[in-house]
Amino acid sequence: MSTLKDTGAYEYTKKVANTNHFIATRWLFMAEDVYQSIPEKWRNILDECCVEAGKWEQENAENDEAP
């Protein structure tokens, strides 16, 4: 439900089927060549932060949905 709210889809969506199959919608995308151009020290930090963010997302996705 938060995805509908955050994207403004509620403005044109009349009905919603709550199937709970599309929970996590926060993603980080980066082209491989861009990722490889980052110095290894910073890539390692980025990797650790992404893992931590992913764990947080999994733990909090359920709380992010509207009641």
PDB file of N, CA and C in Angstrom:
ATOM      1  N   MET A   1       0.821  -1.193   0.000  1.00  0.00           N
ATOM      2  CA  MET A   1       0.000   0.000   0.000  1.00  0.00           C
ATOM      3  C   MET A   1       0.865   1.257   0.000  1.00  0.00           C
ATOM      4  N   SER A   2       2.002   1.188   0.674  1.00  0.00           N
ATOM      5  CA  SER A   2       2.847   2.379   0.700  1.00  0.00           C
ATOM      6  C   SER A   2       3.357   2.721  -0.691  1.00  0.00           C
ATOM      7  N   THR A   3       3.552   1.715  -1.545  1.00  0.00           N
ATOM      8  CA  THR A   3       3.987   1.979  -2.912  1.00  0.00           C
ATOM      9  C   THR A   3       2.937   2.788  -3.652  1.00  0.00           C
ATOM     10  N   LEU A   4       1.680   2.441  -3.477  1.00  0.00           N
ATOM     11  CA  LEU A   4       0.605   3.211  -4.109  1.00  0.00           C
ATOM     12  C   LEU A   4       0.615   4.647  -3.623  1.00  0.00           C
ATOM     13  N   LYS A   5       0.805   4.828  -2.331  1.00  0.00           N
ATOM     14  CA  LYS A   5       0.815   6.167  -1.750  1.00  0.00           C
ATOM     15  C   LYS A   5       2.028   6.954  -2.237  1.00  0.00           C
ATOM     16  N   ASP A   6       3.204   6.334  -2.163  1.00  0.00           N
ATOM     17  CA  ASP A   6       4.440   7.036  -2.490  1.00  0.00           C
ATOM     18  C   ASP A   6       4.550   7.414  -3.960  1.00  0.00           C
ATOM     19  N   THR A   7       3.980   6.608  -4.844  1.00  0.00           N
ATOM     20  CA  THR A   7       4.065   6.895  -6.274  1.00  0.00           C
ATOM     21  C   THR A   7       2.909   7.735  -6.781  1.00  0.00           C
ATOM     22  N   GLY A   8       1.924   7.962  -5.932  1.00  0.00           N
ATOM     23  CA  GLY A   8       0.754   8.730  -6.337  1.00  0.00           C
ATOM     24  C   GLY A   8      -0.240   7.906  -7.133  1.00  0.00           C
ATOM     25  N   ALA A   9      -0.034   6.580  -7.165  1.00  0.00           N
ATOM     26  CA  ALA A   9      -0.917   5.709  -7.945  1.00  0.00           C
ATOM     27  C   ALA A   9      -2.352   5.752  -7.425  1.00  0.00           C
ATOM     28  N   TYR A  10      -2.529   6.140  -6.181  1.00  0.00           N
ATOM     29  CA  TYR A  10      -3.876   6.226  -5.608  1.00  0.00           C
ATOM     30  C   TYR A  10      -4.748   7.220  -6.367  1.00  0.00           C
ATOM     31  N   GLU A  11      -4.113   8.137  -7.094  1.00  0.00           N
ATOM     32  CA  GLU A  11      -4.869   9.144  -7.835  1.00  0.00           C
ATOM     33  C   GLU A  11      -5.646   8.535  -8.999  1.00  0.00           C
ATOM     34  N   TYR A  12      -5.178   7.411  -9.539  1.00  0.00           N
ATOM     35  CA  TYR A  12      -5.864   6.794 -10.677  1.00  0.00           C
ATOM     36  C   TYR A  12      -6.226   5.327 -10.436  1.00  0.00           C
ATOM     37  N   THR A  13      -5.956   4.806  -9.242  1.00  0.00           N
ATOM     38  CA  THR A  13      -6.278   3.420  -8.918  1.00  0.00           C
ATOM     39  C   THR A  13      -7.586   3.370  -8.152  1.00  0.00           C
ATOM     40  N   LYS A  14      -8.561   2.660  -8.706  1.00  0.00           N
ATOM     41  CA  LYS A  14      -9.864   2.565  -8.053  1.00  0.00           C
ATOM     42  C   LYS A  14      -9.947   1.372  -7.115  1.00  0.00           C
ATOM     43  N   LYS A  15      -9.306   0.262  -7.485  1.00  0.00           N
ATOM     44  CA  LYS A  15      -9.369  -0.947  -6.669  1.00  0.00           C
ATOM     45  C   LYS A  15      -7.982  -1.555  -6.542  1.00  0.00           C
ATOM     46  N   VAL A  16      -7.729  -2.202  -5.407  1.00  0.00           N
ATOM     47  CA  VAL A  16      -6.439  -2.830  -5.146  1.00  0.00           C
ATOM     48  C   VAL A  16      -6.677  -4.222  -4.588  1.00  0.00           C
ATOM     49  N   ALA A  17      -5.933  -5.198  -5.105  1.00  0.00           N
ATOM     50  CA  ALA A  17      -5.973  -6.560  -4.555  1.00  0.00           C
ATOM     51  C   ALA A  17      -4.741  -6.726  -3.673  1.00  0.00           C
ATOM     52  N   ASN A  18      -4.943  -6.935  -2.395  1.00  0.00           N
ATOM     53  CA  ASN A  18      -3.834  -7.066  -1.454  1.00  0.00           C
ATOM     54  C   ASN A  18      -3.365  -8.518  -1.430  1.00  0.00           C
ATOM     55  N   THR A  19      -2.336  -8.824  -2.253  1.00  0.00           N
ATOM     56  CA  THR A  19      -1.834 -10.197  -2.372  1.00  0.00           C
ATOM     57  C   THR A  19      -0.552 -10.430  -1.587  1.00  0.00           C
ATOM     58  N   ASN A  20       0.057  -9.357  -1.085  1.00  0.00           N
ATOM     59  CA  ASN A  20       1.317  -9.443  -0.334  1.00  0.00           C
ATOM     60  C   ASN A  20       2.444 -10.095  -1.122  1.00  0.00           C
ATOM     61  N   HIS A  21       2.403 -10.042  -2.436  1.00  0.00           N
ATOM     62  CA  HIS A  21       3.474 -10.650  -3.217  1.00  0.00           C
ATOM     63  C   HIS A  21       4.522  -9.642  -3.668  1.00  0.00           C
ATOM     64  N   PHE A  22       4.293  -8.381  -3.478  1.00  0.00           N
ATOM     65  CA  PHE A  22       5.229  -7.343  -3.914  1.00  0.00           C
ATOM     66  C   PHE A  22       5.543  -6.466  -2.719  1.00  0.00           C
ATOM     67  N   ILE A  23       6.396  -6.964  -1.841  1.00  0.00           N
ATOM     68  CA  ILE A  23       6.626  -6.299  -0.562  1.00  0.00           C
ATOM     69  C   ILE A  23       7.769  -5.288  -0.655  1.00  0.00           C
ATOM     70  N   ALA A  24       8.961  -5.755  -0.976  1.00  0.00           N
ATOM     71  CA  ALA A  24      10.131  -4.884  -0.982  1.00  0.00           C
ATOM     72  C   ALA A  24      10.250  -4.180  -2.328  1.00  0.00           C
ATOM     73  N   THR A  25      10.252  -2.872  -2.313  1.00  0.00           N
ATOM     74  CA  THR A  25      10.333  -2.111  -3.555  1.00  0.00           C
ATOM     75  C   THR A  25      11.500  -1.144  -3.569  1.00  0.00           C
ATOM     76  N   ARG A  26      12.389  -1.291  -2.660  1.00  0.00           N
ATOM     77  CA  ARG A  26      13.543  -0.394  -2.612  1.00  0.00           C
ATOM     78  C   ARG A  26      14.753  -1.138  -3.159  1.00  0.00           C
ATOM     79  N   TRP A  27      15.307  -0.628  -4.258  1.00  0.00           N
ATOM     80  CA  TRP A  27      16.397  -1.312  -4.931  1.00  0.00           C
ATOM     81  C   TRP A  27      17.515  -0.332  -5.222  1.00  0.00           C
ATOM     82  N   LEU A  28      18.705  -0.860  -5.312  1.00  0.00           N
ATOM     83  CA  LEU A  28      19.862  -0.068  -5.726  1.00  0.00           C
ATOM     84  C   LEU A  28      20.393  -0.678  -7.014  1.00  0.00           C
ATOM     85  N   PHE A  29      20.429   0.103  -8.062  1.00  0.00           N
ATOM     86  CA  PHE A  29      20.949  -0.364  -9.344  1.00  0.00           C
ATOM     87  C   PHE A  29      22.163   0.463  -9.712  1.00  0.00           C
ATOM     88  N   MET A  30      23.150  -0.211 -10.297  1.00  0.00           N
ATOM     89  CA  MET A  30      24.346   0.479 -10.744  1.00  0.00           C
ATOM     90  C   MET A  30      24.953  -0.330 -11.886  1.00  0.00           C
ATOM     91  N   ALA A  31      25.386   0.327 -12.916  1.00  0.00           N
ATOM     92  CA  ALA A  31      26.040  -0.360 -14.024  1.00  0.00           C
ATOM     93  C   ALA A  31      27.331  -1.008 -13.525  1.00  0.00           C
ATOM     94  N   GLU A  32      27.618  -2.190 -14.028  1.00  0.00           N
ATOM     95  CA  GLU A  32      28.803  -2.936 -13.587  1.00  0.00           C
ATOM     96  C   GLU A  32      30.086  -2.134 -13.782  1.00  0.00           C
ATOM     97  N   ASP A  33      30.209  -1.438 -14.910  1.00  0.00           N
ATOM     98  CA  ASP A  33      31.435  -0.676 -15.140  1.00  0.00           C
ATOM     99  C   ASP A  33      31.574   0.476 -14.151  1.00  0.00           C
ATOM    100  N   VAL A  34      30.465   1.063 -13.758  1.00  0.00           N
ATOM    101  CA  VAL A  34      30.504   2.129 -12.753  1.00  0.00           C
ATOM    102  C   VAL A  34      30.918   1.546 -11.407  1.00  0.00           C
ATOM    103  N   TYR A  35      30.302   0.413 -11.042  1.00  0.00           N
ATOM    104  CA  TYR A  35      30.638  -0.246  -9.775  1.00  0.00           C
ATOM    105  C   TYR A  35      32.124  -0.599  -9.737  1.00  0.00           C
ATOM    106  N   GLN A  36      32.637  -1.168 -10.815  1.00  0.00           N
ATOM    107  CA  GLN A  36      34.044  -1.577 -10.859  1.00  0.00           C
ATOM    108  C   GLN A  36      34.990  -0.380 -10.853  1.00  0.00           C
ATOM    109  N   SER A  37      34.503   0.790 -11.242  1.00  0.00           N
ATOM    110  CA  SER A  37      35.359   1.983 -11.256  1.00  0.00           C
ATOM    111  C   SER A  37      35.542   2.583  -9.864  1.00  0.00           C
ATOM    112  N   ILE A  38      34.736   2.157  -8.915  1.00  0.00           N
ATOM    113  CA  ILE A  38      34.854   2.634  -7.536  1.00  0.00           C
ATOM    114  C   ILE A  38      36.040   1.927  -6.888  1.00  0.00           C
ATOM    115  N   PRO A  39      36.903   2.647  -6.199  1.00  0.00           N
ATOM    116  CA  PRO A  39      38.034   1.993  -5.528  1.00  0.00           C
ATOM    117  C   PRO A  39      37.544   0.880  -4.589  1.00  0.00           C
ATOM    118  N   GLU A  40      38.316  -0.205  -4.517  1.00  0.00           N
ATOM    119  CA  GLU A  40      37.908  -1.386  -3.754  1.00  0.00           C
ATOM    120  C   GLU A  40      37.518  -1.047  -2.317  1.00  0.00           C
ATOM    121  N   LYS A  41      38.263  -0.159  -1.683  1.00  0.00           N
ATOM    122  CA  LYS A  41      37.950   0.229  -0.301  1.00  0.00           C
ATOM    123  C   LYS A  41      36.507   0.731  -0.202  1.00  0.00           C
ATOM    124  N   TRP A  42      36.109   1.578  -1.131  1.00  0.00           N
ATOM    125  CA  TRP A  42      34.767   2.163  -1.108  1.00  0.00           C
ATOM    126  C   TRP A  42      33.708   1.166  -1.568  1.00  0.00           C
ATOM    127  N   ARG A  43      34.077   0.278  -2.507  1.00  0.00           N
ATOM    128  CA  ARG A  43      33.140  -0.782  -2.911  1.00  0.00           C
ATOM    129  C   ARG A  43      32.808  -1.682  -1.732  1.00  0.00           C
ATOM    130  N   ASN A  44      33.820  -2.005  -0.935  1.00  0.00           N
ATOM    131  CA  ASN A  44      33.580  -2.849   0.243  1.00  0.00           C
ATOM    132  C   ASN A  44      32.627  -2.171   1.221  1.00  0.00           C
ATOM    133  N   ILE A  45      32.825  -0.883   1.431  1.00  0.00           N
ATOM    134  CA  ILE A  45      31.932  -0.131   2.320  1.00  0.00           C
ATOM    135  C   ILE A  45      30.526  -0.094   1.731  1.00  0.00           C
ATOM    136  N   LEU A  46      30.427   0.155   0.436  1.00  0.00           N
ATOM    137  CA  LEU A  46      29.129   0.170  -0.239  1.00  0.00           C
ATOM    138  C   LEU A  46      28.439  -1.180  -0.107  1.00  0.00           C
ATOM    139  N   ASP A  47      29.189  -2.257  -0.327  1.00  0.00           N
ATOM    140  CA  ASP A  47      28.627  -3.608  -0.205  1.00  0.00           C
ATOM    141  C   ASP A  47      28.081  -3.855   1.196  1.00  0.00           C
ATOM    142  N   GLU A  48      28.856  -3.486   2.212  1.00  0.00           N
ATOM    143  CA  GLU A  48      28.419  -3.678   3.601  1.00  0.00           C
ATOM    144  C   GLU A  48      27.152  -2.873   3.891  1.00  0.00           C
ATOM    145  N   CYS A  49      27.118  -1.641   3.416  1.00  0.00           N
ATOM    146  CA  CYS A  49      25.945  -0.794   3.645  1.00  0.00           C
ATOM    147  C   CYS A  49      24.716  -1.354   2.932  1.00  0.00           C
ATOM    148  N   CYS A  50      24.908  -1.887   1.738  1.00  0.00           N
ATOM    149  CA  CYS A  50      23.781  -2.465   0.996  1.00  0.00           C
ATOM    150  C   CYS A  50      23.237  -3.699   1.700  1.00  0.00           C
ATOM    151  N   VAL A  51      24.125  -4.528   2.232  1.00  0.00           N
ATOM    152  CA  VAL A  51      23.675  -5.709   2.979  1.00  0.00           C
ATOM    153  C   VAL A  51      22.894  -5.265   4.210  1.00  0.00           C
ATOM    154  N   GLU A  52      23.420  -4.278   4.924  1.00  0.00           N
ATOM    155  CA  GLU A  52      22.733  -3.768   6.114  1.00  0.00           C
ATOM    156  C   GLU A  52      21.368  -3.179   5.746  1.00  0.00           C
ATOM    157  N   ALA A  53      21.315  -2.424   4.661  1.00  0.00           N
ATOM    158  CA  ALA A  53      20.044  -1.838   4.221  1.00  0.00           C
ATOM    159  C   ALA A  53      19.056  -2.928   3.816  1.00  0.00           C
ATOM    160  N   GLY A  54      19.547  -3.977   3.169  1.00  0.00           N
ATOM    161  CA  GLY A  54      18.680  -5.087   2.781  1.00  0.00           C
ATOM    162  C   GLY A  54      18.089  -5.793   3.980  1.00  0.00           C
ATOM    163  N   LYS A  55      18.908  -5.993   5.004  1.00  0.00           N
ATOM    164  CA  LYS A  55      18.410  -6.621   6.235  1.00  0.00           C
ATOM    165  C   LYS A  55      17.363  -5.731   6.897  1.00  0.00           C
ATOM    166  N   TRP A  56      17.633  -4.439   6.930  1.00  0.00           N
ATOM    167  CA  TRP A  56      16.666  -3.507   7.519  1.00  0.00           C
ATOM    168  C   TRP A  56      15.353  -3.572   6.753  1.00  0.00           C
ATOM    169  N   GLU A  57      15.451  -3.581   5.421  1.00  0.00           N
ATOM    170  CA  GLU A  57      14.246  -3.627   4.583  1.00  0.00           C
ATOM    171  C   GLU A  57      13.425  -4.866   4.886  1.00  0.00           C
ATOM    172  N   GLN A  58      14.080  -6.007   4.977  1.00  0.00           N
ATOM    173  CA  GLN A  58      13.361  -7.246   5.251  1.00  0.00           C
ATOM    174  C   GLN A  58      12.671  -7.198   6.611  1.00  0.00           C
ATOM    175  N   GLU A  59      13.332  -6.611   7.593  1.00  0.00           N
ATOM    176  CA  GLU A  59      12.772  -6.535   8.942  1.00  0.00           C
ATOM    177  C   GLU A  59      11.626  -5.530   9.033  1.00  0.00           C
ATOM    178  N   ASN A  60      11.659  -4.504   8.199  1.00  0.00           N
ATOM    179  CA  ASN A  60      10.698  -3.412   8.334  1.00  0.00           C
ATOM    180  C   ASN A  60       9.656  -3.327   7.228  1.00  0.00           C
ATOM    181  N   ALA A  61       9.753  -4.157   6.212  1.00  0.00           N
ATOM    182  CA  ALA A  61       8.811  -4.084   5.090  1.00  0.00           C
ATOM    183  C   ALA A  61       7.379  -4.276   5.562  1.00  0.00           C
ATOM    184  N   GLU A  62       7.171  -5.199   6.468  1.00  0.00           N
ATOM    185  CA  GLU A  62       5.815  -5.462   6.945  1.00  0.00           C
ATOM    186  C   GLU A  62       5.235  -4.253   7.669  1.00  0.00           C
ATOM    187  N   ASN A  63       6.068  -3.541   8.426  1.00  0.00           N
ATOM    188  CA  ASN A  63       5.607  -2.365   9.163  1.00  0.00           C
ATOM    189  C   ASN A  63       5.319  -1.187   8.240  1.00  0.00           C
ATOM    190  N   ASP A  64       5.848  -1.231   7.022  1.00  0.00           N
ATOM    191  CA  ASP A  64       5.701  -0.134   6.080  1.00  0.00           C
ATOM    192  C   ASP A  64       4.363  -0.181   5.345  1.00  0.00           C
ATOM    193  N   GLU A  65       3.681  -1.290   5.434  1.00  0.00           N
ATOM    194  CA  GLU A  65       2.411  -1.428   4.734  1.00  0.00           C
ATOM    195  C   GLU A  65       1.288  -0.773   5.530  1.00  0.00           C
ATOM    196  N   ALA A  66       0.351  -0.225   4.832  1.00  0.00           N
ATOM    197  CA  ALA A  66      -0.797   0.425   5.481  1.00  0.00           C
ATOM    198  C   ALA A  66      -1.649  -0.626   6.177  1.00  0.00           C
ATOM    199  N   PRO A  67      -2.280  -0.253   7.291  1.00  0.00           N
ATOM    200  CA  PRO A  67      -3.123  -1.225   8.009  1.00  0.00           C
ATOM    201  C   PRO A  67      -4.370  -1.582   7.224  1.00  0.00           C
TER     202      PRO A  67
END
